[in-house]
Amino acid sequence: MALENYMLPCISKTLFGFECMGCGFQRSLLLIWNGHFLQAFYMYAAIYPLLILVVYLLITRFYKFSNYKKGINWLSILSITTIILSYTIKQL
């Protein structure tokens, strides 16, 4: 059973013919799952900041430490910036 057969299609690409800012995320997760870490980065550069943000959010859900909100803000900004930059570079 190939997991690629169960991925959600990009609605933007299907309807309008161009990729959205999230295109490649599912394939990148699958590449990480299969141990292809560098290929995952090339597929979707924001995968690692987003995964770090998710892990950080899970940790801070249970363990609140000082200035945890500042960490969430910085990781969110890093993730959004990476998404925008990689999308812009992909469009060039």
PDB file of N, CA and C in Angstrom:
ATOM      1  N   MET A   1       0.843  -1.176   0.000  1.00  0.00           N
ATOM      2  CA  MET A   1       0.000   0.000   0.000  1.00  0.00           C
ATOM      3  C   MET A   1       0.890   1.241   0.000  1.00  0.00           C
ATOM      4  N   ALA A   2       0.782   2.054  -1.013  1.00  0.00           N
ATOM      5  CA  ALA A   2       1.576   3.271  -1.121  1.00  0.00           C
ATOM      6  C   ALA A   2       0.812   4.432  -0.500  1.00  0.00           C
ATOM      7  N   LEU A   3       1.481   5.144   0.396  1.00  0.00           N
ATOM      8  CA  LEU A   3       0.834   6.284   1.047  1.00  0.00           C
ATOM      9  C   LEU A   3       0.581   7.437   0.092  1.00  0.00           C
ATOM     10  N   GLU A   4       1.327   7.493  -1.003  1.00  0.00           N
ATOM     11  CA  GLU A   4       1.124   8.569  -1.978  1.00  0.00           C
ATOM     12  C   GLU A   4      -0.290   8.559  -2.548  1.00  0.00           C
ATOM     13  N   ASN A   5      -0.916   7.381  -2.568  1.00  0.00           N
ATOM     14  CA  ASN A   5      -2.275   7.258  -3.114  1.00  0.00           C
ATOM     15  C   ASN A   5      -3.323   7.905  -2.214  1.00  0.00           C
ATOM     16  N   TYR A   6      -2.972   8.191  -0.964  1.00  0.00           N
ATOM     17  CA  TYR A   6      -3.934   8.735  -0.008  1.00  0.00           C
ATOM     18  C   TYR A   6      -3.700  10.200   0.315  1.00  0.00           C
ATOM     19  N   MET A   7      -2.832  10.855  -0.422  1.00  0.00           N
ATOM     20  CA  MET A   7      -2.554  12.266  -0.172  1.00  0.00           C
ATOM     21  C   MET A   7      -3.673  13.141  -0.725  1.00  0.00           C
ATOM     22  N   LEU A   8      -3.910  14.248  -0.044  1.00  0.00           N
ATOM     23  CA  LEU A   8      -4.915  15.200  -0.499  1.00  0.00           C
ATOM     24  C   LEU A   8      -4.370  16.000  -1.673  1.00  0.00           C
ATOM     25  N   PRO A   9      -5.169  16.222  -2.702  1.00  0.00           N
ATOM     26  CA  PRO A   9      -4.694  17.035  -3.825  1.00  0.00           C
ATOM     27  C   PRO A   9      -4.723  18.518  -3.462  1.00  0.00           C
ATOM     28  N   CYS A  10      -3.859  19.277  -4.088  1.00  0.00           N
ATOM     29  CA  CYS A  10      -3.838  20.731  -3.884  1.00  0.00           C
ATOM     30  C   CYS A  10      -4.988  21.344  -4.669  1.00  0.00           C
ATOM     31  N   ILE A  11      -5.887  21.990  -3.977  1.00  0.00           N
ATOM     32  CA  ILE A  11      -7.060  22.580  -4.631  1.00  0.00           C
ATOM     33  C   ILE A  11      -6.646  23.736  -5.529  1.00  0.00           C
ATOM     34  N   SER A  12      -5.678  24.522  -5.077  1.00  0.00           N
ATOM     35  CA  SER A  12      -5.193  25.639  -5.879  1.00  0.00           C
ATOM     36  C   SER A  12      -4.603  25.146  -7.202  1.00  0.00           C
ATOM     37  N   LYS A  13      -3.793  24.096  -7.123  1.00  0.00           N
ATOM     38  CA  LYS A  13      -3.179  23.555  -8.340  1.00  0.00           C
ATOM     39  C   LYS A  13      -4.225  22.899  -9.236  1.00  0.00           C
ATOM     40  N   THR A  14      -5.207  22.242  -8.631  1.00  0.00           N
ATOM     41  CA  THR A  14      -6.254  21.579  -9.401  1.00  0.00           C
ATOM     42  C   THR A  14      -7.152  22.590 -10.108  1.00  0.00           C
ATOM     43  N   LEU A  15      -7.565  23.638  -9.393  1.00  0.00           N
ATOM     44  CA  LEU A  15      -8.515  24.596  -9.961  1.00  0.00           C
ATOM     45  C   LEU A  15      -7.858  25.668 -10.821  1.00  0.00           C
ATOM     46  N   PHE A  16      -6.696  26.168 -10.364  1.00  0.00           N
ATOM     47  CA  PHE A  16      -6.103  27.325 -11.025  1.00  0.00           C
ATOM     48  C   PHE A  16      -4.810  27.017 -11.785  1.00  0.00           C
ATOM     49  N   GLY A  17      -4.217  25.856 -11.538  1.00  0.00           N
ATOM     50  CA  GLY A  17      -3.038  25.461 -12.280  1.00  0.00           C
ATOM     51  C   GLY A  17      -1.706  25.900 -11.694  1.00  0.00           C
ATOM     52  N   PHE A  18      -1.705  26.520 -10.505  1.00  0.00           N
ATOM     53  CA  PHE A  18      -0.430  26.892  -9.898  1.00  0.00           C
ATOM     54  C   PHE A  18      -0.402  26.425  -8.446  1.00  0.00           C
ATOM     55  N   GLU A  19       0.801  26.194  -7.949  1.00  0.00           N
ATOM     56  CA  GLU A  19       0.963  25.656  -6.605  1.00  0.00           C
ATOM     57  C   GLU A  19       0.698  26.723  -5.540  1.00  0.00           C
ATOM     58  N   CYS A  20       0.217  26.267  -4.402  1.00  0.00           N
ATOM     59  CA  CYS A  20      -0.009  27.168  -3.271  1.00  0.00           C
ATOM     60  C   CYS A  20       1.237  27.155  -2.375  1.00  0.00           C
ATOM     61  N   MET A  21       1.203  27.905  -1.293  1.00  0.00           N
ATOM     62  CA  MET A  21       2.348  27.984  -0.380  1.00  0.00           C
ATOM     63  C   MET A  21       2.534  26.711   0.431  1.00  0.00           C
ATOM     64  N   GLY A  22       1.563  25.831   0.413  1.00  0.00           N
ATOM     65  CA  GLY A  22       1.665  24.590   1.171  1.00  0.00           C
ATOM     66  C   GLY A  22       1.969  23.375   0.316  1.00  0.00           C
ATOM     67  N   CYS A  23       2.077  23.578  -0.994  1.00  0.00           N
ATOM     68  CA  CYS A  23       2.346  22.446  -1.889  1.00  0.00           C
ATOM     69  C   CYS A  23       3.699  21.829  -1.553  1.00  0.00           C
ATOM     70  N   GLY A  24       3.689  20.542  -1.402  1.00  0.00           N
ATOM     71  CA  GLY A  24       4.901  19.804  -1.079  1.00  0.00           C
ATOM     72  C   GLY A  24       4.983  19.380   0.369  1.00  0.00           C
ATOM     73  N   PHE A  25       4.101  19.886   1.213  1.00  0.00           N
ATOM     74  CA  PHE A  25       4.160  19.578   2.645  1.00  0.00           C
ATOM     75  C   PHE A  25       3.921  18.094   2.909  1.00  0.00           C
ATOM     76  N   GLN A  26       2.872  17.539   2.319  1.00  0.00           N
ATOM     77  CA  GLN A  26       2.566  16.124   2.539  1.00  0.00           C
ATOM     78  C   GLN A  26       3.676  15.220   2.011  1.00  0.00           C
ATOM     79  N   ARG A  27       4.162  15.533   0.817  1.00  0.00           N
ATOM     80  CA  ARG A  27       5.244  14.730   0.243  1.00  0.00           C
ATOM     81  C   ARG A  27       6.506  14.856   1.080  1.00  0.00           C
ATOM     82  N   SER A  28       6.742  16.036   1.623  1.00  0.00           N
ATOM     83  CA  SER A  28       7.909  16.246   2.471  1.00  0.00           C
ATOM     84  C   SER A  28       7.807  15.435   3.760  1.00  0.00           C
ATOM     85  N   LEU A  29       6.627  15.391   4.358  1.00  0.00           N
ATOM     86  CA  LEU A  29       6.433  14.556   5.543  1.00  0.00           C
ATOM     87  C   LEU A  29       6.670  13.081   5.230  1.00  0.00           C
ATOM     88  N   LEU A  30       6.210  12.664   4.081  1.00  0.00           N
ATOM     89  CA  LEU A  30       6.421  11.280   3.672  1.00  0.00           C
ATOM     90  C   LEU A  30       7.911  10.991   3.455  1.00  0.00           C
ATOM     91  N   LEU A  31       8.634  11.945   2.896  1.00  0.00           N
ATOM     92  CA  LEU A  31      10.074  11.775   2.707  1.00  0.00           C
ATOM     93  C   LEU A  31      10.788  11.673   4.054  1.00  0.00           C
ATOM     94  N   ILE A  32      10.385  12.479   5.020  1.00  0.00           N
ATOM     95  CA  ILE A  32      10.976  12.396   6.358  1.00  0.00           C
ATOM     96  C   ILE A  32      10.660  11.030   6.960  1.00  0.00           C
ATOM     97  N   TRP A  33       9.437  10.584   6.799  1.00  0.00           N
ATOM     98  CA  TRP A  33       9.024   9.274   7.322  1.00  0.00           C
ATOM     99  C   TRP A  33       9.900   8.154   6.759  1.00  0.00           C
ATOM    100  N   ASN A  34      10.293   8.312   5.485  1.00  0.00           N
ATOM    101  CA  ASN A  34      11.120   7.306   4.829  1.00  0.00           C
ATOM    102  C   ASN A  34      12.615   7.538   5.033  1.00  0.00           C
ATOM    103  N   GLY A  35      12.981   8.591   5.782  1.00  0.00           N
ATOM    104  CA  GLY A  35      14.382   8.830   6.101  1.00  0.00           C
ATOM    105  C   GLY A  35      15.149   9.661   5.097  1.00  0.00           C
ATOM    106  N   HIS A  36      14.463  10.319   4.175  1.00  0.00           N
ATOM    107  CA  HIS A  36      15.113  11.159   3.168  1.00  0.00           C
ATOM    108  C   HIS A  36      15.022  12.627   3.614  1.00  0.00           C
ATOM    109  N   PHE A  37      15.873  12.991   4.554  1.00  0.00           N
ATOM    110  CA  PHE A  37      15.761  14.294   5.209  1.00  0.00           C
ATOM    111  C   PHE A  37      16.147  15.458   4.302  1.00  0.00           C
ATOM    112  N   LEU A  38      17.186  15.315   3.516  1.00  0.00           N
ATOM    113  CA  LEU A  38      17.598  16.394   2.628  1.00  0.00           C
ATOM    114  C   LEU A  38      16.595  16.574   1.492  1.00  0.00           C
ATOM    115  N   GLN A  39      16.095  15.482   0.954  1.00  0.00           N
ATOM    116  CA  GLN A  39      15.078  15.563  -0.097  1.00  0.00           C
ATOM    117  C   GLN A  39      13.802  16.212   0.433  1.00  0.00           C
ATOM    118  N   ALA A  40      13.484  15.957   1.702  1.00  0.00           N
ATOM    119  CA  ALA A  40      12.306  16.585   2.314  1.00  0.00           C
ATOM    120  C   ALA A  40      12.477  18.088   2.368  1.00  0.00           C
ATOM    121  N   PHE A  41      13.691  18.528   2.681  1.00  0.00           N
ATOM    122  CA  PHE A  41      13.959  19.973   2.718  1.00  0.00           C
ATOM    123  C   PHE A  41      13.821  20.584   1.336  1.00  0.00           C
ATOM    124  N   TYR A  42      14.347  19.908   0.310  1.00  0.00           N
ATOM    125  CA  TYR A  42      14.229  20.431  -1.050  1.00  0.00           C
ATOM    126  C   TYR A  42      12.786  20.426  -1.538  1.00  0.00           C
ATOM    127  N   MET A  43      12.004  19.481  -1.076  1.00  0.00           N
ATOM    128  CA  MET A  43      10.607  19.406  -1.474  1.00  0.00           C
ATOM    129  C   MET A  43       9.802  20.556  -0.863  1.00  0.00           C
ATOM    130  N   TYR A  44      10.044  20.816   0.431  1.00  0.00           N
ATOM    131  CA  TYR A  44       9.301  21.861   1.144  1.00  0.00           C
ATOM    132  C   TYR A  44      10.201  22.386   2.259  1.00  0.00           C
ATOM    133  N   ALA A  45      10.830  23.507   2.013  1.00  0.00           N
ATOM    134  CA  ALA A  45      11.863  24.026   2.915  1.00  0.00           C
ATOM    135  C   ALA A  45      11.345  24.360   4.311  1.00  0.00           C
ATOM    136  N   ALA A  46      10.078  24.649   4.437  1.00  0.00           N
ATOM    137  CA  ALA A  46       9.535  25.041   5.735  1.00  0.00           C
ATOM    138  C   ALA A  46       9.171  23.857   6.618  1.00  0.00           C
ATOM    139  N   ILE A  47       9.449  22.657   6.172  1.00  0.00           N
ATOM    140  CA  ILE A  47       9.055  21.478   6.940  1.00  0.00           C
ATOM    141  C   ILE A  47       9.724  21.443   8.304  1.00  0.00           C
ATOM    142  N   TYR A  48      10.993  21.772   8.366  1.00  0.00           N
ATOM    143  CA  TYR A  48      11.701  21.674   9.648  1.00  0.00           C
ATOM    144  C   TYR A  48      11.301  22.766  10.637  1.00  0.00           C
ATOM    145  N   PRO A  49      11.194  24.035  10.225  1.00  0.00           N
ATOM    146  CA  PRO A  49      10.677  25.021  11.190  1.00  0.00           C
ATOM    147  C   PRO A  49       9.262  24.687  11.670  1.00  0.00           C
ATOM    148  N   LEU A  50       8.439  24.152  10.786  1.00  0.00           N
ATOM    149  CA  LEU A  50       7.075  23.788  11.184  1.00  0.00           C
ATOM    150  C   LEU A  50       7.063  22.607  12.149  1.00  0.00           C
ATOM    151  N   LEU A  51       7.902  21.616  11.907  1.00  0.00           N
ATOM    152  CA  LEU A  51       7.971  20.476  12.826  1.00  0.00           C
ATOM    153  C   LEU A  51       8.508  20.895  14.194  1.00  0.00           C
ATOM    154  N   ILE A  52       9.502  21.768  14.195  1.00  0.00           N
ATOM    155  CA  ILE A  52      10.030  22.277  15.470  1.00  0.00           C
ATOM    156  C   ILE A  52       8.944  23.044  16.209  1.00  0.00           C
ATOM    157  N   LEU A  53       8.170  23.852  15.479  1.00  0.00           N
ATOM    158  CA  LEU A  53       7.069  24.609  16.091  1.00  0.00           C
ATOM    159  C   LEU A  53       6.026  23.667  16.690  1.00  0.00           C
ATOM    160  N   VAL A  54       5.667  22.615  15.970  1.00  0.00           N
ATOM    161  CA  VAL A  54       4.666  21.673  16.477  1.00  0.00           C
ATOM    162  C   VAL A  54       5.169  20.974  17.735  1.00  0.00           C
ATOM    163  N   VAL A  55       6.417  20.538  17.724  1.00  0.00           N
ATOM    164  CA  VAL A  55       6.991  19.882  18.910  1.00  0.00           C
ATOM    165  C   VAL A  55       7.034  20.860  20.079  1.00  0.00           C
ATOM    166  N   TYR A  56       7.434  22.088  19.799  1.00  0.00           N
ATOM    167  CA  TYR A  56       7.486  23.119  20.844  1.00  0.00           C
ATOM    168  C   TYR A  56       6.089  23.380  21.419  1.00  0.00           C
ATOM    169  N   LEU A  57       5.086  23.445  20.545  1.00  0.00           N
ATOM    170  CA  LEU A  57       3.713  23.655  21.018  1.00  0.00           C
ATOM    171  C   LEU A  57       3.239  22.495  21.878  1.00  0.00           C
ATOM    172  N   LEU A  58       3.589  21.278  21.492  1.00  0.00           N
ATOM    173  CA  LEU A  58       3.204  20.122  22.302  1.00  0.00           C
ATOM    174  C   LEU A  58       3.886  20.150  23.669  1.00  0.00           C
ATOM    175  N   ILE A  59       5.150  20.504  23.689  1.00  0.00           N
ATOM    176  CA  ILE A  59       5.875  20.567  24.962  1.00  0.00           C
ATOM    177  C   ILE A  59       5.298  21.652  25.849  1.00  0.00           C
ATOM    178  N   THR A  60       5.047  22.834  25.294  1.00  0.00           N
ATOM    179  CA  THR A  60       4.534  23.936  26.106  1.00  0.00           C
ATOM    180  C   THR A  60       3.076  23.738  26.486  1.00  0.00           C
ATOM    181  N   ARG A  61       2.411  22.811  25.837  1.00  0.00           N
ATOM    182  CA  ARG A  61       1.037  22.479  26.235  1.00  0.00           C
ATOM    183  C   ARG A  61       1.020  21.855  27.630  1.00  0.00           C
ATOM    184  N   PHE A  62       2.056  21.101  27.945  1.00  0.00           N
ATOM    185  CA  PHE A  62       2.123  20.407  29.225  1.00  0.00           C
ATOM    186  C   PHE A  62       3.076  21.047  30.223  1.00  0.00           C
ATOM    187  N   TYR A  63       4.130  21.691  29.722  1.00  0.00           N
ATOM    188  CA  TYR A  63       5.135  22.302  30.595  1.00  0.00           C
ATOM    189  C   TYR A  63       5.284  23.772  30.240  1.00  0.00           C
ATOM    190  N   LYS A  64       4.673  24.616  31.025  1.00  0.00           N
ATOM    191  CA  LYS A  64       4.776  26.051  30.804  1.00  0.00           C
ATOM    192  C   LYS A  64       6.030  26.565  31.507  1.00  0.00           C
ATOM    193  N   PHE A  65       6.954  27.091  30.742  1.00  0.00           N
ATOM    194  CA  PHE A  65       8.134  27.685  31.332  1.00  0.00           C
ATOM    195  C   PHE A  65       8.164  29.157  30.987  1.00  0.00           C
ATOM    196  N   SER A  66       9.056  29.892  31.626  1.00  0.00           N
ATOM    197  CA  SER A  66       9.075  31.343  31.439  1.00  0.00           C
ATOM    198  C   SER A  66       9.383  31.687  29.990  1.00  0.00           C
ATOM    199  N   ASN A  67       8.693  32.659  29.499  1.00  0.00           N
ATOM    200  CA  ASN A  67       8.848  33.178  28.136  1.00  0.00           C
ATOM    201  C   ASN A  67       8.533  32.137  27.047  1.00  0.00           C
ATOM    202  N   TYR A  68       7.680  31.186  27.336  1.00  0.00           N
ATOM    203  CA  TYR A  68       7.343  30.192  26.313  1.00  0.00           C
ATOM    204  C   TYR A  68       6.587  30.820  25.149  1.00  0.00           C
ATOM    205  N   LYS A  69       5.831  31.874  25.415  1.00  0.00           N
ATOM    206  CA  LYS A  69       5.084  32.544  24.346  1.00  0.00           C
ATOM    207  C   LYS A  69       6.029  33.232  23.370  1.00  0.00           C
ATOM    208  N   LYS A  70       7.147  33.728  23.871  1.00  0.00           N
ATOM    209  CA  LYS A  70       8.132  34.360  23.007  1.00  0.00           C
ATOM    210  C   LYS A  70       8.721  33.323  22.039  1.00  0.00           C
ATOM    211  N   GLY A  71       8.959  32.118  22.529  1.00  0.00           N
ATOM    212  CA  GLY A  71       9.451  31.042  21.669  1.00  0.00           C
ATOM    213  C   GLY A  71       8.446  30.676  20.598  1.00  0.00           C
ATOM    214  N   ILE A  72       7.183  30.636  20.967  1.00  0.00           N
ATOM    215  CA  ILE A  72       6.127  30.338  19.988  1.00  0.00           C
ATOM    216  C   ILE A  72       6.093  31.420  18.921  1.00  0.00           C
ATOM    217  N   ASN A  73       6.200  32.675  19.342  1.00  0.00           N
ATOM    218  CA  ASN A  73       6.186  33.787  18.386  1.00  0.00           C
ATOM    219  C   ASN A  73       7.365  33.704  17.420  1.00  0.00           C
ATOM    220  N   TRP A  74       8.561  33.467  17.937  1.00  0.00           N
ATOM    221  CA  TRP A  74       9.753  33.410  17.087  1.00  0.00           C
ATOM    222  C   TRP A  74       9.693  32.230  16.122  1.00  0.00           C
ATOM    223  N   LEU A  75       9.267  31.083  16.598  1.00  0.00           N
ATOM    224  CA  LEU A  75       9.161  29.929  15.717  1.00  0.00           C
ATOM    225  C   LEU A  75       8.072  30.117  14.663  1.00  0.00           C
ATOM    226  N   SER A  76       7.001  30.798  15.026  1.00  0.00           N
ATOM    227  CA  SER A  76       5.941  31.100  14.055  1.00  0.00           C
ATOM    228  C   SER A  76       6.447  32.044  12.980  1.00  0.00           C
ATOM    229  N   ILE A  77       7.162  33.077  13.388  1.00  0.00           N
ATOM    230  CA  ILE A  77       7.726  34.030  12.427  1.00  0.00           C
ATOM    231  C   ILE A  77       8.727  33.327  11.514  1.00  0.00           C
ATOM    232  N   LEU A  78       9.572  32.478  12.082  1.00  0.00           N
ATOM    233  CA  LEU A  78      10.543  31.729  11.282  1.00  0.00           C
ATOM    234  C   LEU A  78       9.833  30.826  10.273  1.00  0.00           C
ATOM    235  N   SER A  79       8.786  30.162  10.699  1.00  0.00           N
ATOM    236  CA  SER A  79       8.044  29.266   9.806  1.00  0.00           C
ATOM    237  C   SER A  79       7.380  30.046   8.675  1.00  0.00           C
ATOM    238  N   ILE A  80       6.705  31.125   9.011  1.00  0.00           N
ATOM    239  CA  ILE A  80       6.016  31.926   7.996  1.00  0.00           C
ATOM    240  C   ILE A  80       7.009  32.532   7.019  1.00  0.00           C
ATOM    241  N   THR A  81       8.121  33.039   7.528  1.00  0.00           N
ATOM    242  CA  THR A  81       9.149  33.620   6.661  1.00  0.00           C
ATOM    243  C   THR A  81       9.718  32.570   5.716  1.00  0.00           C
ATOM    244  N   THR A  82       9.984  31.382   6.234  1.00  0.00           N
ATOM    245  CA  THR A  82      10.507  30.310   5.395  1.00  0.00           C
ATOM    246  C   THR A  82       9.504  29.909   4.329  1.00  0.00           C
ATOM    247  N   ILE A  83       8.235  29.837   4.681  1.00  0.00           N
ATOM    248  CA  ILE A  83       7.195  29.499   3.706  1.00  0.00           C
ATOM    249  C   ILE A  83       7.155  30.534   2.590  1.00  0.00           C
ATOM    250  N   ILE A  84       7.154  31.805   2.950  1.00  0.00           N
ATOM    251  CA  ILE A  84       7.065  32.880   1.952  1.00  0.00           C
ATOM    252  C   ILE A  84       8.311  32.920   1.077  1.00  0.00           C
ATOM    253  N   LEU A  85       9.493  32.810   1.691  1.00  0.00           N
ATOM    254  CA  LEU A  85      10.731  32.848   0.910  1.00  0.00           C
ATOM    255  C   LEU A  85      10.844  31.671  -0.047  1.00  0.00           C
ATOM    256  N   SER A  86      10.542  30.484   0.432  1.00  0.00           N
ATOM    257  CA  SER A  86      10.664  29.312  -0.439  1.00  0.00           C
ATOM    258  C   SER A  86       9.629  29.363  -1.567  1.00  0.00           C
ATOM    259  N   TYR A  87       8.439  29.863  -1.280  1.00  0.00           N
ATOM    260  CA  TYR A  87       7.425  29.996  -2.325  1.00  0.00           C
ATOM    261  C   TYR A  87       7.863  31.013  -3.375  1.00  0.00           C
ATOM    262  N   THR A  88       8.425  32.129  -2.916  1.00  0.00           N
ATOM    263  CA  THR A  88       8.893  33.170  -3.829  1.00  0.00           C
ATOM    264  C   THR A  88      10.030  32.645  -4.702  1.00  0.00           C
ATOM    265  N   ILE A  89      10.971  31.941  -4.117  1.00  0.00           N
ATOM    266  CA  ILE A  89      12.086  31.387  -4.884  1.00  0.00           C
ATOM    267  C   ILE A  89      11.588  30.346  -5.879  1.00  0.00           C
ATOM    268  N   LYS A  90      10.595  29.559  -5.487  1.00  0.00           N
ATOM    269  CA  LYS A  90      10.044  28.541  -6.378  1.00  0.00           C
ATOM    270  C   LYS A  90       9.364  29.175  -7.594  1.00  0.00           C
ATOM    271  N   GLN A  91       8.811  30.366  -7.408  1.00  0.00           N
ATOM    272  CA  GLN A  91       8.100  31.033  -8.496  1.00  0.00           C
ATOM    273  C   GLN A  91       9.032  31.711  -9.488  1.00  0.00           C
ATOM    274  N   LEU A  92      10.286  31.926  -9.113  1.00  0.00           N
ATOM    275  CA  LEU A  92      11.225  32.617 -10.010  1.00  0.00           C
ATOM    276  C   LEU A  92      11.713  31.742 -11.131  1.00  0.00           C
TER     277      LEU A  92
END
